[in-house]
């Protein structure tokens, strides 16, 4: 499998602009024969969004761009970083996550397990750590997903 590791510099809060750039870069990766494109941690929202993560409107603002991203991705799978809602009854309201998008839909998710809380990093303030290692399947290949 040919994989594109795509390093971007997303702008915090520019969900539409970040997603538009991801669509463009995934298309270029597909054109050179890649089957999977991997984008950075929190590529959709920008990193680090800090206290913006405490605003429901900020989290909800990523929904439409994510739907657009899923619709426009074809012929290649992508893994991209995103703030995921914690659907559990306990813990912080969000996970620092990654989504697998392929064939026009979200078909897998992973949550960051080891959250930094040193120097300029304060992820334990905002995110619930993932409970287990994540493995996704892309074209019959099992891939372990780590974030950071």
Protein backbone atom coordinates (compact mmCIF):
# COMPACT_ATOMS: atom_id res chain seq x y z
CA UNK A 1 0.00 0.00 0.00
CA UNK A 2 1.29 3.44 -0.93
CA UNK A 3 0.69 5.93 1.90
CA UNK A 4 0.97 9.72 1.80
CA UNK A 5 1.98 11.37 5.08
CA UNK A 6 0.66 14.88 4.62
CA UNK A 7 2.01 17.56 6.91
CA UNK A 8 -0.19 20.64 6.92
CA UNK A 9 -0.36 23.78 9.01
CA UNK A 10 -4.09 24.09 9.72
CA UNK A 11 -5.46 27.35 11.11
CA UNK A 12 -7.25 27.06 14.43
CA UNK A 13 -10.99 27.42 13.84
CA UNK A 14 -10.79 27.54 10.03
CA UNK A 15 -12.70 24.28 9.63
CA UNK A 16 -13.80 24.91 6.04
CA UNK A 17 -10.40 26.17 4.92
CA UNK A 18 -8.58 23.27 6.60
CA UNK A 19 -10.94 20.74 5.03
CA UNK A 20 -10.69 22.36 1.58
CA UNK A 21 -6.91 22.03 1.78
CA UNK A 22 -7.22 18.40 2.92
CA UNK A 23 -9.48 17.58 -0.04
CA UNK A 24 -6.95 19.15 -2.42
CA UNK A 25 -3.97 17.33 -0.90
CA UNK A 26 -5.78 13.98 -0.74
CA UNK A 27 -6.60 14.39 -4.43
CA UNK A 28 -2.96 15.02 -5.25
CA UNK A 29 -1.94 11.94 -3.23
CA UNK A 30 -4.52 9.87 -5.12
CA UNK A 31 -3.16 11.16 -8.46
CA UNK A 32 0.32 9.81 -7.64
CA UNK A 33 -1.07 6.40 -6.71
CA UNK A 34 -1.53 6.60 -2.95
CA UNK A 35 -4.26 4.50 -1.39
CA UNK A 36 -4.15 6.18 2.03
CA UNK A 37 -3.43 9.77 3.09
CA UNK A 38 -2.66 10.51 6.73
CA UNK A 39 -3.17 14.02 8.08
CA UNK A 40 -1.96 15.53 11.39
CA UNK A 41 -3.45 15.55 14.85
CA UNK A 42 -6.51 17.85 15.02
CA UNK A 43 -6.07 18.72 11.34
CA UNK A 44 -9.73 19.72 11.02
CA UNK A 45 -9.80 22.24 13.89
CA UNK A 46 -6.14 23.24 14.03
CA UNK A 47 -3.80 22.54 16.92
CA UNK A 48 -3.86 23.48 19.76
CA UNK A 49 -7.39 24.90 20.05
CA UNK A 50 -7.09 25.14 23.86
CA UNK A 51 -10.11 26.76 25.57
CA UNK A 52 -12.06 26.87 22.30
CA UNK A 53 -12.64 23.16 22.98
CA UNK A 54 -14.88 24.18 25.89
CA UNK A 55 -17.29 25.94 23.53
CA UNK A 56 -19.97 23.64 22.09
CA UNK A 57 -20.31 25.96 19.06
CA UNK A 58 -16.63 25.40 18.23
CA UNK A 59 -17.03 21.61 18.34
CA UNK A 60 -20.30 21.71 16.37
CA UNK A 61 -18.71 23.97 13.72
CA UNK A 62 -16.62 21.05 12.48
CA UNK A 63 -19.67 18.92 11.58
CA UNK A 64 -20.56 20.39 8.17
CA UNK A 65 -16.95 20.57 6.95
CA UNK A 66 -16.47 16.93 8.04
CA UNK A 67 -19.55 15.89 6.05
CA UNK A 68 -18.17 17.81 3.04
CA UNK A 69 -14.80 16.11 3.49
CA UNK A 70 -16.39 12.67 3.52
CA UNK A 71 -18.46 13.46 0.40
CA UNK A 72 -15.46 14.71 -1.58
CA UNK A 73 -12.99 11.94 -0.72
CA UNK A 74 -13.04 9.19 -3.34
CA UNK A 75 -10.51 6.77 -4.69
CA UNK A 76 -8.37 7.15 -1.57
CA UNK A 77 -8.83 6.62 2.17
CA UNK A 78 -7.77 9.26 4.66
CA UNK A 79 -7.03 9.38 8.36
CA UNK A 80 -7.43 12.83 9.88
CA UNK A 81 -7.30 14.32 13.35
CA UNK A 82 -10.50 15.68 14.85
CA UNK A 83 -12.07 16.44 18.24
CA UNK A 84 -14.51 13.60 18.91
CA UNK A 85 -17.43 13.76 21.32
CA UNK A 86 -17.26 11.34 24.23
CA UNK A 87 -20.55 9.45 24.09
CA UNK A 88 -19.87 7.76 27.44
CA UNK A 89 -21.49 8.78 30.69
CA UNK A 90 -18.21 9.60 32.46
CA UNK A 91 -15.04 11.51 31.73
CA UNK A 92 -14.24 14.64 29.77
CA UNK A 93 -16.64 15.54 26.95
CA UNK A 94 -14.09 15.08 24.13
CA UNK A 95 -11.45 12.77 22.77
CA UNK A 96 -8.48 13.90 20.73
CA UNK A 97 -9.32 11.56 17.89
CA UNK A 98 -8.69 10.42 14.38
CA UNK A 99 -11.23 9.37 11.76
CA UNK A 100 -10.89 7.00 8.85
CA UNK A 101 -12.81 8.37 5.86
CA UNK A 102 -13.33 6.28 2.75
CA UNK A 103 -15.94 5.84 0.06
CA UNK A 104 -17.85 8.96 1.10
CA UNK A 105 -18.29 8.05 4.77
CA UNK A 106 -16.60 7.87 8.12
CA UNK A 107 -15.72 4.22 8.63
CA UNK A 108 -13.48 4.16 11.69
CA UNK A 109 -12.32 6.17 14.67
CA UNK A 110 -9.50 6.17 17.21
CA UNK A 111 -8.87 8.13 20.42
CA UNK A 112 -5.51 9.38 21.67
CA UNK A 113 -4.47 7.42 24.75
CA UNK A 114 -1.40 9.23 26.08
CA UNK A 115 -2.29 12.86 26.67
CA UNK A 116 0.56 15.26 27.41
CA UNK A 117 0.31 17.61 30.38
CA UNK A 118 3.75 19.22 30.46
CA UNK A 119 5.36 22.37 29.11
CA UNK A 120 2.87 24.06 26.72
CA UNK A 121 0.64 20.96 26.50
CA UNK A 122 -2.48 20.70 28.65
CA UNK A 123 -4.47 18.02 26.84
CA UNK A 124 -5.60 16.32 30.06
CA UNK A 125 -7.58 19.49 30.76
CA UNK A 126 -9.71 19.07 27.64
CA UNK A 127 -9.66 15.44 26.54
CA UNK A 128 -10.56 12.07 27.94
CA UNK A 129 -7.82 9.54 27.20
CA UNK A 130 -8.72 6.66 24.89
CA UNK A 131 -9.28 3.37 26.68
CA UNK A 132 -7.64 0.98 24.25
CA UNK A 133 -5.34 0.80 21.27
CA UNK A 134 -7.05 1.37 17.95
CA UNK A 135 -6.73 -0.73 14.84
CA UNK A 136 -8.50 0.15 11.61
CA UNK A 137 -8.70 -1.80 8.42
CA UNK A 138 -7.93 -0.26 5.04
CA UNK A 139 -8.21 -2.46 1.97
CA UNK A 140 -7.65 -5.60 4.02
CA UNK A 141 -4.62 -4.20 5.82
CA UNK A 142 -4.85 -3.76 9.61
CA UNK A 143 -3.28 -0.46 10.72
CA UNK A 144 -2.56 0.59 14.30
CA UNK A 145 -3.45 4.23 14.87
CA UNK A 146 -1.51 6.38 17.29
CA UNK A 147 -2.03 10.08 17.71
CA UNK A 148 0.79 12.55 18.43
